[in-house]
Amino acid sequence: MKTQNEHWRKKKKSYQKVTLETKLLVVDQILNDQISTNFASKKYYVPRTTITYWLRKHITLVQQNTGMSKLDEIKKLKERIEELEFVKDFQQDIIADMELITGVDMSKKSLPKTLAKEIEKKKQNRLKENG
């Protein structure tokens, strides 16, 4: 005979064992932004926490195989930021020069306000330098 509280209990979900191939497929799809963790959980009948565990384990293994520590990765990312800032600065210089030559404010029309302001400052500095 059932007790009064038994009908409130949730049915425990039963999950099947997942093959390594399926795990790698799920991780690959998530890392390539093809599906979300929630969608993968529903599609493959695997708890989200388990998928998160697979992702962490996969990322750790990839880092170990590449031999890149967190500090190395941070250093590499900082170098990449510096490189991209240089490229951005160079491109802004070119735009500022073109605007001064042509007299057309292209940046105000086609770029975000913050970038347009930076280019305007560069133009002002160029005008001051050239008199």
Protein backbone atom coordinates (compact mmCIF):
# COMPACT_ATOMS: atom_id res chain seq x y z
CA MET A 1 0.00 0.00 0.00
CA LYS A 2 1.32 3.49 -0.91
CA THR A 3 2.01 5.98 1.77
CA GLN A 4 0.67 9.50 1.48
CA ASN A 5 4.01 11.03 0.40
CA GLU A 6 4.88 8.50 -2.31
CA HIS A 7 2.71 10.01 -5.03
CA TRP A 8 4.67 13.30 -4.74
CA ARG A 9 7.99 11.72 -5.48
CA LYS A 10 9.37 12.25 -8.94
CA LYS A 11 10.09 9.32 -11.12
CA LYS A 12 13.83 8.85 -11.35
CA LYS A 13 15.06 9.21 -14.92
CA SER A 14 17.06 6.33 -16.23
CA TYR A 15 20.00 7.17 -18.46
CA GLN A 16 21.84 4.81 -20.73
CA LYS A 17 25.59 4.54 -21.04
CA VAL A 18 26.96 6.90 -23.65
CA THR A 19 29.70 5.83 -26.01
CA LEU A 20 32.93 7.78 -26.32
CA GLU A 21 31.99 8.57 -29.91
CA THR A 22 28.73 10.19 -28.79
CA LYS A 23 30.49 12.13 -26.05
CA LEU A 24 33.01 13.52 -28.55
CA LEU A 25 30.22 14.34 -30.99
CA VAL A 26 28.27 16.27 -28.34
CA VAL A 27 31.37 18.15 -27.14
CA ASP A 28 32.37 19.01 -30.72
CA GLN A 29 28.88 20.30 -31.57
CA ILE A 30 28.77 22.47 -28.45
CA LEU A 31 32.29 23.86 -28.92
CA ASN A 32 31.49 24.72 -32.56
CA ASP A 33 28.28 26.49 -31.48
CA GLN A 34 26.10 24.10 -33.43
CA ILE A 35 23.94 23.27 -30.40
CA SER A 36 23.58 24.46 -26.82
CA THR A 37 24.19 22.40 -23.71
CA ASN A 38 20.47 22.43 -22.93
CA PHE A 39 19.57 21.21 -26.42
CA ALA A 40 22.25 18.50 -26.31
CA SER A 41 20.92 17.36 -22.95
CA LYS A 42 17.43 16.88 -24.39
CA LYS A 43 18.59 15.46 -27.72
CA TYR A 44 20.94 12.83 -26.28
CA TYR A 45 19.09 12.25 -22.98
CA VAL A 46 22.10 13.20 -20.88
CA PRO A 47 22.01 15.52 -17.84
CA ARG A 48 23.42 19.01 -18.42
CA THR A 49 25.83 18.53 -15.53
CA THR A 50 27.27 15.48 -17.22
CA ILE A 51 27.75 17.37 -20.48
CA THR A 52 29.43 20.20 -18.57
CA TYR A 53 31.76 17.62 -17.02
CA TRP A 54 32.60 16.27 -20.49
CA LEU A 55 33.35 19.78 -21.73
CA ARG A 56 35.66 20.57 -18.80
CA LYS A 57 37.45 17.26 -19.19
CA HIS A 58 37.86 17.75 -22.94
CA ILE A 59 39.24 21.28 -22.56
CA THR A 60 41.67 20.10 -19.88
CA LEU A 61 42.89 17.28 -22.12
CA VAL A 62 43.34 19.64 -25.07
CA GLN A 63 45.36 22.02 -22.91
CA GLN A 64 47.52 19.18 -21.65
CA ASN A 65 48.12 17.90 -25.18
CA THR A 66 49.09 21.31 -26.45
CA GLY A 67 51.26 21.81 -23.38
CA MET A 68 49.78 25.25 -22.79
CA SER A 69 49.27 26.30 -19.21
CA LYS A 70 46.79 28.97 -18.16
CA LEU A 71 49.60 31.50 -17.80
CA ASP A 72 50.91 30.70 -21.29
CA GLU A 73 47.41 31.06 -22.67
CA ILE A 74 46.96 34.43 -20.94
CA LYS A 75 50.33 35.61 -22.26
CA LYS A 76 49.42 34.55 -25.78
CA LEU A 77 46.04 36.30 -25.55
CA LYS A 78 47.68 39.51 -24.27
CA GLU A 79 50.07 39.43 -27.23
CA ARG A 80 47.13 38.96 -29.58
CA ILE A 81 45.33 41.93 -27.99
CA GLU A 82 48.40 44.12 -28.49
CA GLU A 83 48.62 43.03 -32.11
CA LEU A 84 44.94 43.77 -32.74
CA GLU A 85 45.22 47.17 -31.03
CA PHE A 86 48.13 48.02 -33.34
CA VAL A 87 46.10 47.01 -36.39
CA LYS A 88 43.11 49.05 -35.17
CA ASP A 89 45.32 52.09 -34.58
CA PHE A 90 46.88 51.73 -38.04
CA GLN A 91 43.48 51.46 -39.70
CA GLN A 92 42.24 54.51 -37.82
CA ASP A 93 45.29 56.47 -38.99
CA ILE A 94 44.49 55.56 -42.59
CA ILE A 95 40.83 56.54 -42.22
CA ALA A 96 41.78 59.84 -40.55
CA ASP A 97 44.23 60.63 -43.38
CA MET A 98 41.65 59.76 -46.04
CA GLU A 99 39.06 61.95 -44.37
CA LEU A 100 41.51 64.86 -44.27
CA ILE A 101 42.42 64.38 -47.93
CA THR A 102 38.87 63.91 -49.23
CA GLY A 103 37.05 66.14 -46.75
CA VAL A 104 34.37 63.46 -46.29
CA ASP A 105 33.56 62.19 -42.79
CA MET A 106 33.18 58.49 -43.58
CA SER A 107 33.70 57.30 -40.01
CA LYS A 108 30.73 59.19 -38.54
CA LYS A 109 28.37 57.52 -40.98
CA SER A 110 29.65 53.97 -40.94
CA LEU A 111 31.43 53.30 -37.64
CA PRO A 112 30.31 53.08 -34.01
CA LYS A 113 30.45 56.38 -32.14
CA THR A 114 33.43 55.41 -29.99
CA LEU A 115 35.56 54.57 -33.03
CA ALA A 116 34.40 57.67 -34.88
CA LYS A 117 35.44 59.80 -31.87
CA GLU A 118 38.89 58.18 -31.83
CA ILE A 119 39.33 58.90 -35.53
CA GLU A 120 38.18 62.50 -35.01
CA LYS A 121 40.85 62.92 -32.32
CA LYS A 122 43.48 61.52 -34.70
CA LYS A 123 42.38 64.01 -37.36
CA GLN A 124 42.64 66.88 -34.86
CA ASN A 125 46.14 65.76 -33.88
CA ARG A 126 47.17 65.54 -37.56
CA LEU A 127 45.87 69.07 -38.17
CA LYS A 128 47.81 70.39 -35.14
CA GLU A 129 51.00 68.63 -36.30
CA ASN A 130 50.71 69.97 -39.86
CA GLY A 131 49.74 73.47 -38.74
